[in-house]
Protein backbone atom coordinates (compact mmCIF):
# COMPACT_ATOMS: atom_id res chain seq x y z
CA MET A 1 25.99 -13.51 42.82
CA ILE A 2 23.55 -12.10 46.34
CA GLN A 3 21.88 -15.49 46.82
CA ALA A 4 25.47 -16.73 46.73
CA LEU A 5 26.82 -14.61 49.66
CA MET A 6 23.67 -14.62 51.67
CA LEU A 7 24.41 -18.07 51.93
CA SER A 8 27.79 -17.97 52.71
CA PHE A 9 26.68 -15.59 55.19
CA GLN A 10 24.37 -17.66 57.08
CA SER A 11 26.68 -20.89 56.27
CA LEU A 12 29.02 -18.82 58.73
CA SER A 13 26.90 -17.87 61.37
CA ASP A 14 25.08 -20.54 61.11
CA LYS A 15 28.00 -22.96 62.20
CA ARG A 16 27.20 -25.32 65.34
CA VAL A 17 29.11 -28.47 66.26
CA ALA A 18 27.33 -30.23 68.17
CA SER A 19 28.62 -31.91 71.69
CA PRO A 20 29.36 -34.76 72.20
CA LEU A 21 28.63 -36.22 75.22
CA SER A 22 24.94 -33.76 75.33
CA GLY A 23 23.24 -34.55 72.17
CA HIS A 24 23.04 -30.51 71.96
CA SER A 25 23.68 -27.98 69.97
CA TYR A 26 27.36 -26.06 70.94
CA CYS A 27 27.94 -22.20 69.75
CA GLY A 28 31.24 -22.08 70.53
CA PRO A 29 33.17 -20.23 73.01
CA LEU A 30 30.80 -16.88 72.91
CA GLY A 31 28.23 -18.57 72.27
CA PRO A 32 25.00 -16.86 71.11
CA PHE A 33 27.14 -13.51 70.44
CA ARG A 34 28.99 -15.36 67.96
CA LYS A 35 26.06 -14.80 65.50
CA PHE A 36 26.16 -10.88 66.30
CA GLU A 37 29.64 -10.09 65.92
CA ILE A 38 29.50 -12.48 61.94
CA MET A 39 26.54 -10.84 60.89
CA LYS A 40 27.80 -7.46 62.12
CA HIS A 41 30.51 -7.20 60.19
CA ALA A 42 28.37 -8.94 57.53
CA LEU A 43 25.84 -6.42 57.37
CA PRO A 44 28.14 -3.25 56.39
CA PHE A 45 29.83 -6.13 53.99
CA THR A 46 26.40 -6.74 51.90
CA ALA A 47 24.98 -3.09 51.81
CA THR A 48 27.82 -1.87 50.58
CA LEU A 49 28.04 -4.75 47.51
CA LEU A 50 24.07 -4.00 47.42
CA LEU A 51 25.92 -0.52 46.52
CA LEU A 52 27.87 -1.54 44.10
CA ALA A 53 25.65 -3.54 42.19
CA GLY A 54 22.85 -1.52 41.74
CA GLY A 55 25.82 1.50 40.92
CA VAL A 56 26.33 -0.73 37.72
CA SER A 57 24.51 -0.90 34.55
CA PRO A 58 25.07 -3.14 31.84
CA PRO A 59 27.04 -1.80 28.32
CA GLU A 60 25.06 0.23 26.21
CA VAL A 61 23.78 -0.99 23.77
CA ARG A 62 23.79 1.48 20.62
CA ALA A 63 22.41 1.11 16.84
CA GLN A 64 24.44 1.78 13.78
CA VAL A 65 22.58 5.03 12.91
CA ARG A 66 23.21 4.63 8.96
CA PRO A 67 23.16 8.64 7.41
CA ALA A 68 19.94 9.06 4.95
CA ALA A 69 20.65 8.60 1.45
CA PRO A 70 20.60 11.94 -0.46
CA VAL A 71 17.02 11.32 -2.12
CA GLU A 72 17.32 12.77 -5.90
CA ARG A 73 14.19 14.92 -6.70
CA LYS A 74 12.82 14.58 -10.25
CA ALA A 75 9.99 16.01 -12.46
CA ALA A 76 6.98 13.54 -11.94
CA PRO A 77 7.39 11.74 -15.65
CA LEU A 78 5.63 13.40 -18.70
CA PRO A 79 2.43 12.37 -20.31
CA PRO A 80 2.37 10.81 -23.94
CA ARG A 81 1.06 14.02 -25.44
CA THR A 82 -1.39 13.66 -28.71
CA VAL A 83 -1.51 16.03 -31.25
CA VAL A 84 -5.42 16.42 -32.75
CA VAL A 85 -5.37 18.21 -35.86
CA THR A 86 -8.28 20.23 -36.27
CA ARG A 87 -9.37 21.60 -39.81
CA GLY A 88 -6.73 24.44 -41.04
CA LEU A 89 -4.11 24.40 -38.30
CA GLU A 90 -1.92 21.33 -40.33
CA GLY A 91 0.54 23.72 -41.00
CA VAL A 92 1.55 24.32 -37.11
CA MET A 93 0.46 20.81 -35.44
CA GLY A 94 3.53 18.73 -34.69
CA LYS A 95 5.91 21.64 -35.93
CA ASP A 96 8.95 22.62 -33.47
CA ALA A 97 9.79 26.10 -33.14
CA SER A 98 12.11 26.98 -35.85
CA THR A 99 9.79 25.92 -38.42
CA LEU A 100 7.02 28.31 -36.98
CA LYS A 101 9.48 31.26 -36.90
CA ARG A 102 10.24 30.13 -40.67
CA LEU A 103 6.50 30.32 -41.14
CA PHE A 104 5.35 33.45 -38.86
CA GLY A 105 8.89 35.35 -38.62
CA GLU A 106 9.50 35.63 -34.93
CA PRO A 107 7.65 35.47 -31.82
CA ARG A 108 6.82 38.47 -29.80
CA LEU A 109 6.73 36.30 -26.51
CA ASP A 110 9.31 32.49 -25.69
CA VAL A 111 8.21 32.07 -22.36
CA VAL A 112 9.80 28.53 -21.75
CA GLU A 113 7.72 26.92 -19.28
CA VAL A 114 8.57 23.57 -17.00
CA TYR A 115 7.82 21.42 -18.85
CA GLY A 116 7.50 23.03 -22.17
CA ARG A 117 7.29 26.18 -23.98
CA LYS A 118 4.71 29.69 -25.61
CA LEU A 119 5.09 31.23 -28.23
CA GLN A 120 2.84 33.90 -29.16
CA PHE A 121 3.01 35.44 -32.67
CA VAL A 122 0.68 39.08 -33.05
CA GLY A 123 -0.54 40.12 -36.04
CA LYS A 124 -2.94 43.38 -37.07
CA PRO A 125 -5.46 40.45 -37.51
CA CYS A 126 -5.05 38.44 -34.83
CA VAL A 127 -2.89 36.99 -31.74
CA LEU A 128 -1.27 33.79 -32.02
CA ASP A 129 -0.16 31.38 -28.73
CA ALA A 130 1.39 28.05 -29.98
CA PHE A 131 1.52 25.81 -27.36
CA LEU A 132 5.06 23.43 -27.70
CA TYR A 133 5.61 19.87 -25.30
CA PRO A 134 8.21 17.41 -25.75
CA GLU A 135 6.57 14.22 -27.69
CA ARG A 136 8.39 11.80 -25.27
CA LYS A 137 10.84 11.90 -22.58
CA GLY A 138 14.16 14.16 -23.84
CA GLY A 139 12.02 14.56 -27.36
CA ARG A 140 12.06 17.41 -29.25
CA GLU A 141 9.52 20.22 -28.36
CA VAL A 142 6.66 20.53 -31.40
CA VAL A 143 3.13 22.46 -31.27
CA THR A 144 0.35 20.72 -29.11
CA TYR A 145 -2.40 23.00 -29.31
CA VAL A 146 -2.72 26.80 -30.91
CA ASP A 147 -5.42 29.54 -29.09
CA ALA A 148 -6.21 32.37 -31.14
CA ARG A 149 -8.04 35.99 -30.73
CA ARG A 150 -7.90 39.17 -31.25
CA SER A 151 -5.64 41.91 -29.16
CA ASP A 152 -8.93 42.96 -27.53
CA GLY A 153 -9.08 39.32 -26.11
CA THR A 154 -12.55 38.41 -28.19
CA ALA A 155 -12.32 34.85 -29.66
CA VAL A 156 -11.18 33.54 -33.21
CA ASP A 157 -11.02 31.16 -35.19
CA ARG A 158 -7.71 29.11 -35.00
CA ALA A 159 -7.39 28.08 -38.98
CA ALA A 160 -8.45 31.46 -40.29
CA CYS A 161 -5.83 33.79 -37.64
CA ILE A 162 -3.11 30.70 -39.16
CA ASP A 163 -3.84 32.38 -42.76
CA ALA A 164 -4.36 35.78 -41.96
CA LEU A 165 -0.38 35.52 -40.18
CA LEU A 166 0.92 33.47 -42.92
CA ARG A 167 -0.11 35.81 -45.64
CA ARG A 168 1.19 39.57 -44.12
């Protein structure tokens, strides 16, 4: 656009009419001052156009921002637990909480954890901790591990502790 304006001003300022008699170019009745007269008005006009063109910017393009989708937080999937039965522990391993309560009575502790549960049964000879975990995701909790100790904390044979608690 600016180039087009410059060309039009140049064509206005360079109007030369050749004299049919002389062969020289003729600048009109004002002579060389006509060019100055045209430029006197063209210069402020051009400066104004340039200032206006500089203040105009292309329309702003805004990217559409989508709100973030809510993230559903879930616990990690449970690995399948295998029940390892050691000799003498068959009566407890793989059993659920209600079966343990029928065998040993009400537990002293019933601790519910994120993925499982711990039941603690106490007798005179020992303390038995039974750890219950789901068989599969959403499945029932069964005993997968047991630990036995005396009340002072020393280790006791797990099968012997189970037998002693069953006899009371």
